[in-house]
């Protein structure tokens, strides 16, 4: 199983927020944004920060999916 942030990118599109604006609003580092782009794990405080900024639940920005490499 792995994590997917596809819902996050859809949420940003829905709210008309560019990735550069998203980074500024959340205060996340470029490295963290890269991890999100690559569907890599990030800390729970990062996810909470994103949810606070977007006014949503964690389930609205990420999901667990089957690992296709198995």
PDB file of N, CA and C in Angstrom:
ATOM      1  N   UNK A   1       0.836  -1.178   0.000  1.00  0.00           N
ATOM      2  CA  UNK A   1       0.000   0.000   0.000  1.00  0.00           C
ATOM      3  C   UNK A   1       0.885   1.247   0.000  1.00  0.00           C
ATOM      4  N   UNK A   2       0.419   2.270  -0.662  1.00  0.00           N
ATOM      5  CA  UNK A   2       1.133   3.548  -0.678  1.00  0.00           C
ATOM      6  C   UNK A   2       0.124   4.681  -0.638  1.00  0.00           C
ATOM      7  N   UNK A   3       0.628   5.870  -0.453  1.00  0.00           N
ATOM      8  CA  UNK A   3      -0.241   7.043  -0.341  1.00  0.00           C
ATOM      9  C   UNK A   3      -0.312   7.786  -1.671  1.00  0.00           C
ATOM     10  N   UNK A   4      -1.457   8.360  -1.939  1.00  0.00           N
ATOM     11  CA  UNK A   4      -1.650   9.158  -3.141  1.00  0.00           C
ATOM     12  C   UNK A   4      -2.205  10.524  -2.738  1.00  0.00           C
ATOM     13  N   UNK A   5      -1.634  11.563  -3.313  1.00  0.00           N
ATOM     14  CA  UNK A   5      -2.100  12.928  -3.055  1.00  0.00           C
ATOM     15  C   UNK A   5      -2.865  13.495  -4.247  1.00  0.00           C
ATOM     16  N   UNK A   6      -3.381  12.614  -5.095  1.00  0.00           N
ATOM     17  CA  UNK A   6      -4.123  13.060  -6.275  1.00  0.00           C
ATOM     18  C   UNK A   6      -5.293  13.969  -5.880  1.00  0.00           C
ATOM     19  N   UNK A   7      -5.949  13.622  -4.787  1.00  0.00           N
ATOM     20  CA  UNK A   7      -7.085  14.432  -4.331  1.00  0.00           C
ATOM     21  C   UNK A   7      -6.657  15.849  -3.934  1.00  0.00           C
ATOM     22  N   UNK A   8      -5.435  15.973  -3.429  1.00  0.00           N
ATOM     23  CA  UNK A   8      -4.918  17.299  -3.075  1.00  0.00           C
ATOM     24  C   UNK A   8      -4.856  18.187  -4.309  1.00  0.00           C
ATOM     25  N   UNK A   9      -4.325  17.653  -5.391  1.00  0.00           N
ATOM     26  CA  UNK A   9      -4.165  18.462  -6.613  1.00  0.00           C
ATOM     27  C   UNK A   9      -5.525  18.826  -7.202  1.00  0.00           C
ATOM     28  N   UNK A  10      -6.496  17.908  -7.107  1.00  0.00           N
ATOM     29  CA  UNK A  10      -7.856  18.236  -7.543  1.00  0.00           C
ATOM     30  C   UNK A  10      -8.455  19.329  -6.667  1.00  0.00           C
ATOM     31  N   UNK A  11      -8.190  19.250  -5.362  1.00  0.00           N
ATOM     32  CA  UNK A  11      -8.695  20.252  -4.414  1.00  0.00           C
ATOM     33  C   UNK A  11      -8.127  21.634  -4.756  1.00  0.00           C
ATOM     34  N   UNK A  12      -6.841  21.683  -5.083  1.00  0.00           N
ATOM     35  CA  UNK A  12      -6.228  22.963  -5.455  1.00  0.00           C
ATOM     36  C   UNK A  12      -6.871  23.515  -6.728  1.00  0.00           C
ATOM     37  N   UNK A  13      -7.146  22.640  -7.691  1.00  0.00           N
ATOM     38  CA  UNK A  13      -7.816  23.080  -8.916  1.00  0.00           C
ATOM     39  C   UNK A  13      -9.215  23.610  -8.608  1.00  0.00           C
ATOM     40  N   UNK A  14      -9.950  22.901  -7.760  1.00  0.00           N
ATOM     41  CA  UNK A  14     -11.297  23.331  -7.368  1.00  0.00           C
ATOM     42  C   UNK A  14     -11.296  24.722  -6.759  1.00  0.00           C
ATOM     43  N   UNK A  15     -10.273  24.973  -5.927  1.00  0.00           N
ATOM     44  CA  UNK A  15     -10.202  26.249  -5.216  1.00  0.00           C
ATOM     45  C   UNK A  15      -9.386  27.291  -5.980  1.00  0.00           C
ATOM     46  N   UNK A  16      -8.977  26.947  -7.206  1.00  0.00           N
ATOM     47  CA  UNK A  16      -8.223  27.851  -8.073  1.00  0.00           C
ATOM     48  C   UNK A  16      -6.953  28.359  -7.387  1.00  0.00           C
ATOM     49  N   UNK A  17      -6.196  27.418  -6.799  1.00  0.00           N
ATOM     50  CA  UNK A  17      -4.946  27.743  -6.116  1.00  0.00           C
ATOM     51  C   UNK A  17      -3.786  27.126  -6.900  1.00  0.00           C
ATOM     52  N   UNK A  18      -2.839  27.956  -7.301  1.00  0.00           N
ATOM     53  CA  UNK A  18      -1.647  27.475  -7.996  1.00  0.00           C
ATOM     54  C   UNK A  18      -0.697  26.858  -6.979  1.00  0.00           C
ATOM     55  N   UNK A  19       0.155  25.935  -7.438  1.00  0.00           N
ATOM     56  CA  UNK A  19       1.093  25.276  -6.532  1.00  0.00           C
ATOM     57  C   UNK A  19       2.007  26.283  -5.842  1.00  0.00           C
ATOM     58  N   UNK A  20       2.418  27.310  -6.552  1.00  0.00           N
ATOM     59  CA  UNK A  20       3.287  28.322  -5.940  1.00  0.00           C
ATOM     60  C   UNK A  20       2.541  29.073  -4.840  1.00  0.00           C
ATOM     61  N   UNK A  21       1.275  29.383  -5.079  1.00  0.00           N
ATOM     62  CA  UNK A  21       0.452  30.039  -4.055  1.00  0.00           C
ATOM     63  C   UNK A  21       0.206  29.098  -2.882  1.00  0.00           C
ATOM     64  N   UNK A  22      -0.005  27.825  -3.185  1.00  0.00           N
ATOM     65  CA  UNK A  22      -0.214  26.808  -2.159  1.00  0.00           C
ATOM     66  C   UNK A  22       0.997  26.728  -1.234  1.00  0.00           C
ATOM     67  N   UNK A  23       2.175  26.743  -1.815  1.00  0.00           N
ATOM     68  CA  UNK A  23       3.406  26.688  -1.020  1.00  0.00           C
ATOM     69  C   UNK A  23       3.506  27.907  -0.105  1.00  0.00           C
ATOM     70  N   UNK A  24       3.169  29.049  -0.634  1.00  0.00           N
ATOM     71  CA  UNK A  24       3.216  30.286   0.156  1.00  0.00           C
ATOM     72  C   UNK A  24       2.169  30.280   1.274  1.00  0.00           C
ATOM     73  N   UNK A  25       0.959  29.837   0.958  1.00  0.00           N
ATOM     74  CA  UNK A  25      -0.115  29.793   1.953  1.00  0.00           C
ATOM     75  C   UNK A  25       0.199  28.842   3.110  1.00  0.00           C
ATOM     76  N   UNK A  26       0.813  27.703   2.790  1.00  0.00           N
ATOM     77  CA  UNK A  26       1.078  26.682   3.804  1.00  0.00           C
ATOM     78  C   UNK A  26       2.417  26.866   4.500  1.00  0.00           C
ATOM     79  N   UNK A  27       3.352  27.557   3.848  1.00  0.00           N
ATOM     80  CA  UNK A  27       4.691  27.702   4.409  1.00  0.00           C
ATOM     81  C   UNK A  27       5.524  26.438   4.278  1.00  0.00           C
ATOM     82  N   UNK A  28       5.105  25.526   3.409  1.00  0.00           N
ATOM     83  CA  UNK A  28       5.839  24.275   3.220  1.00  0.00           C
ATOM     84  C   UNK A  28       7.096  24.517   2.394  1.00  0.00           C
ATOM     85  N   UNK A  29       8.106  23.707   2.642  1.00  0.00           N
ATOM     86  CA  UNK A  29       9.359  23.829   1.901  1.00  0.00           C
ATOM     87  C   UNK A  29       9.199  23.240   0.499  1.00  0.00           C
ATOM     88  N   UNK A  30      10.120  23.602  -0.370  1.00  0.00           N
ATOM     89  CA  UNK A  30      10.115  23.053  -1.730  1.00  0.00           C
ATOM     90  C   UNK A  30      10.280  21.536  -1.686  1.00  0.00           C
ATOM     91  N   UNK A  31      11.065  21.051  -0.741  1.00  0.00           N
ATOM     92  CA  UNK A  31      11.273  19.611  -0.600  1.00  0.00           C
ATOM     93  C   UNK A  31      10.000  18.873  -0.242  1.00  0.00           C
ATOM     94  N   UNK A  32       9.190  19.469   0.611  1.00  0.00           N
ATOM     95  CA  UNK A  32       7.923  18.850   0.996  1.00  0.00           C
ATOM     96  C   UNK A  32       6.949  18.836  -0.173  1.00  0.00           C
ATOM     97  N   UNK A  33       6.911  19.904  -0.931  1.00  0.00           N
ATOM     98  CA  UNK A  33       6.052  19.957  -2.120  1.00  0.00           C
ATOM     99  C   UNK A  33       6.496  18.881  -3.109  1.00  0.00           C
ATOM    100  N   UNK A  34       7.802  18.690  -3.251  1.00  0.00           N
ATOM    101  CA  UNK A  34       8.327  17.646  -4.131  1.00  0.00           C
ATOM    102  C   UNK A  34       7.882  16.274  -3.657  1.00  0.00           C
ATOM    103  N   UNK A  35       7.936  16.034  -2.350  1.00  0.00           N
ATOM    104  CA  UNK A  35       7.474  14.754  -1.804  1.00  0.00           C
ATOM    105  C   UNK A  35       5.996  14.535  -2.124  1.00  0.00           C
ATOM    106  N   UNK A  36       5.197  15.573  -1.981  1.00  0.00           N
ATOM    107  CA  UNK A  36       3.775  15.461  -2.305  1.00  0.00           C
ATOM    108  C   UNK A  36       3.585  15.142  -3.789  1.00  0.00           C
ATOM    109  N   UNK A  37       4.356  15.792  -4.644  1.00  0.00           N
ATOM    110  CA  UNK A  37       4.279  15.541  -6.089  1.00  0.00           C
ATOM    111  C   UNK A  37       4.634  14.102  -6.433  1.00  0.00           C
ATOM    112  N   UNK A  38       5.549  13.516  -5.670  1.00  0.00           N
ATOM    113  CA  UNK A  38       6.021  12.147  -5.922  1.00  0.00           C
ATOM    114  C   UNK A  38       5.241  11.107  -5.117  1.00  0.00           C
ATOM    115  N   UNK A  39       4.185  11.528  -4.440  1.00  0.00           N
ATOM    116  CA  UNK A  39       3.382  10.632  -3.603  1.00  0.00           C
ATOM    117  C   UNK A  39       4.229   9.925  -2.547  1.00  0.00           C
ATOM    118  N   UNK A  40       5.160  10.661  -1.963  1.00  0.00           N
ATOM    119  CA  UNK A  40       5.981  10.139  -0.886  1.00  0.00           C
ATOM    120  C   UNK A  40       5.371  10.550   0.455  1.00  0.00           C
ATOM    121  N   UNK A  41       5.738   9.836   1.502  1.00  0.00           N
ATOM    122  CA  UNK A  41       5.207  10.121   2.832  1.00  0.00           C
ATOM    123  C   UNK A  41       5.663  11.482   3.342  1.00  0.00           C
ATOM    124  N   UNK A  42       4.749  12.176   3.981  1.00  0.00           N
ATOM    125  CA  UNK A  42       5.060  13.415   4.692  1.00  0.00           C
ATOM    126  C   UNK A  42       4.502  13.273   6.107  1.00  0.00           C
ATOM    127  N   UNK A  43       4.928  14.139   6.992  1.00  0.00           N
ATOM    128  CA  UNK A  43       4.516  14.023   8.391  1.00  0.00           C
ATOM    129  C   UNK A  43       3.052  14.433   8.584  1.00  0.00           C
ATOM    130  N   UNK A  44       2.484  13.953   9.671  1.00  0.00           N
ATOM    131  CA  UNK A  44       1.108  14.301  10.008  1.00  0.00           C
ATOM    132  C   UNK A  44       0.936  15.807  10.223  1.00  0.00           C
ATOM    133  N   UNK A  45       1.867  16.500  10.884  1.00  0.00           N
ATOM    134  CA  UNK A  45       1.719  17.959  10.998  1.00  0.00           C
ATOM    135  C   UNK A  45       1.638  18.672   9.639  1.00  0.00           C
ATOM    136  N   UNK A  46       2.331  18.156   8.633  1.00  0.00           N
ATOM    137  CA  UNK A  46       2.249  18.744   7.291  1.00  0.00           C
ATOM    138  C   UNK A  46       0.835  18.575   6.747  1.00  0.00           C
ATOM    139  N   UNK A  47       0.281  17.370   6.889  1.00  0.00           N
ATOM    140  CA  UNK A  47      -1.075  17.117   6.397  1.00  0.00           C
ATOM    141  C   UNK A  47      -2.099  17.978   7.135  1.00  0.00           C
ATOM    142  N   UNK A  48      -1.901  18.154   8.433  1.00  0.00           N
ATOM    143  CA  UNK A  48      -2.809  18.988   9.216  1.00  0.00           C
ATOM    144  C   UNK A  48      -2.735  20.444   8.762  1.00  0.00           C
ATOM    145  N   UNK A  49      -1.529  20.927   8.499  1.00  0.00           N
ATOM    146  CA  UNK A  49      -1.353  22.297   7.992  1.00  0.00           C
ATOM    147  C   UNK A  49      -2.099  22.487   6.677  1.00  0.00           C
ATOM    148  N   UNK A  50      -1.960  21.512   5.779  1.00  0.00           N
ATOM    149  CA  UNK A  50      -2.647  21.589   4.489  1.00  0.00           C
ATOM    150  C   UNK A  50      -4.159  21.634   4.699  1.00  0.00           C
ATOM    151  N   UNK A  51      -4.653  20.773   5.586  1.00  0.00           N
ATOM    152  CA  UNK A  51      -6.099  20.734   5.857  1.00  0.00           C
ATOM    153  C   UNK A  51      -6.597  22.048   6.450  1.00  0.00           C
ATOM    154  N   UNK A  52      -5.808  22.643   7.322  1.00  0.00           N
ATOM    155  CA  UNK A  52      -6.205  23.925   7.912  1.00  0.00           C
ATOM    156  C   UNK A  52      -6.296  25.006   6.846  1.00  0.00           C
ATOM    157  N   UNK A  53      -5.326  25.049   5.950  1.00  0.00           N
ATOM    158  CA  UNK A  53      -5.310  26.069   4.896  1.00  0.00           C
ATOM    159  C   UNK A  53      -6.461  25.857   3.913  1.00  0.00           C
ATOM    160  N   UNK A  54      -6.701  24.601   3.530  1.00  0.00           N
ATOM    161  CA  UNK A  54      -7.741  24.307   2.548  1.00  0.00           C
ATOM    162  C   UNK A  54      -9.120  24.105   3.180  1.00  0.00           C
ATOM    163  N   UNK A  55      -9.168  24.132   4.517  1.00  0.00           N
ATOM    164  CA  UNK A  55     -10.418  23.925   5.255  1.00  0.00           C
ATOM    165  C   UNK A  55     -11.104  22.625   4.835  1.00  0.00           C
ATOM    166  N   UNK A  56     -10.344  21.532   5.004  1.00  0.00           N
ATOM    167  CA  UNK A  56     -10.854  20.225   4.605  1.00  0.00           C
ATOM    168  C   UNK A  56     -10.376  19.153   5.573  1.00  0.00           C
ATOM    169  N   UNK A  57     -10.753  17.929   5.324  1.00  0.00           N
ATOM    170  CA  UNK A  57     -10.367  16.776   6.115  1.00  0.00           C
ATOM    171  C   UNK A  57      -9.192  16.060   5.425  1.00  0.00           C
ATOM    172  N   UNK A  58      -8.433  15.285   6.182  1.00  0.00           N
ATOM    173  CA  UNK A  58      -7.291  14.573   5.606  1.00  0.00           C
ATOM    174  C   UNK A  58      -7.728  13.673   4.451  1.00  0.00           C
ATOM    175  N   UNK A  59      -8.878  13.047   4.585  1.00  0.00           N
ATOM    176  CA  UNK A  59      -9.383  12.184   3.525  1.00  0.00           C
ATOM    177  C   UNK A  59      -9.696  12.924   2.235  1.00  0.00           C
ATOM    178  N   UNK A  60      -9.823  14.237   2.320  1.00  0.00           N
ATOM    179  CA  UNK A  60     -10.089  15.050   1.126  1.00  0.00           C
ATOM    180  C   UNK A  60      -8.825  15.323   0.315  1.00  0.00           C
ATOM    181  N   UNK A  61      -7.641  15.083   0.907  1.00  0.00           N
ATOM    182  CA  UNK A  61      -6.398  15.419   0.208  1.00  0.00           C
ATOM    183  C   UNK A  61      -5.506  14.218  -0.084  1.00  0.00           C
ATOM    184  N   UNK A  62      -5.753  13.083   0.580  1.00  0.00           N
ATOM    185  CA  UNK A  62      -4.909  11.916   0.332  1.00  0.00           C
ATOM    186  C   UNK A  62      -5.706  10.636   0.494  1.00  0.00           C
ATOM    187  N   UNK A  63      -5.160   9.568  -0.064  1.00  0.00           N
ATOM    188  CA  UNK A  63      -5.792   8.259   0.072  1.00  0.00           C
ATOM    189  C   UNK A  63      -4.711   7.187   0.000  1.00  0.00           C
ATOM    190  N   UNK A  64      -5.042   6.028   0.512  1.00  0.00           N
ATOM    191  CA  UNK A  64      -4.134   4.877   0.450  1.00  0.00           C
ATOM    192  C   UNK A  64      -4.554   4.033  -0.731  1.00  0.00           C
ATOM    193  N   UNK A  65      -3.590   3.683  -1.583  1.00  0.00           N
ATOM    194  CA  UNK A  65      -3.871   2.905  -2.780  1.00  0.00           C
ATOM    195  C   UNK A  65      -2.988   1.662  -2.810  1.00  0.00           C
ATOM    196  N   UNK A  66      -3.384   0.676  -3.582  1.00  0.00           N
ATOM    197  CA  UNK A  66      -2.575  -0.526  -3.740  1.00  0.00           C
ATOM    198  C   UNK A  66      -1.249  -0.183  -4.376  1.00  0.00           C
ATOM    199  N   UNK A  67      -0.196  -0.825  -3.897  1.00  0.00           N
ATOM    200  CA  UNK A  67       1.139  -0.641  -4.456  1.00  0.00           C
ATOM    201  C   UNK A  67       1.219  -1.482  -5.723  1.00  0.00           C
ATOM    202  N   UNK A  68       1.313  -0.817  -6.871  1.00  0.00           N
ATOM    203  CA  UNK A  68       1.307  -1.501  -8.167  1.00  0.00           C
ATOM    204  C   UNK A  68       2.575  -2.291  -8.446  1.00  0.00           C
ATOM    205  N   UNK A  69       3.629  -2.077  -7.648  1.00  0.00           N
ATOM    206  CA  UNK A  69       4.911  -2.740  -7.925  1.00  0.00           C
ATOM    207  C   UNK A  69       4.947  -4.177  -7.421  1.00  0.00           C
ATOM    208  N   UNK A  70       3.915  -4.617  -6.676  1.00  0.00           N
ATOM    209  CA  UNK A  70       3.905  -5.988  -6.136  1.00  0.00           C
ATOM    210  C   UNK A  70       3.464  -6.977  -7.180  1.00  0.00           C
TER     211      UNK A  70
END
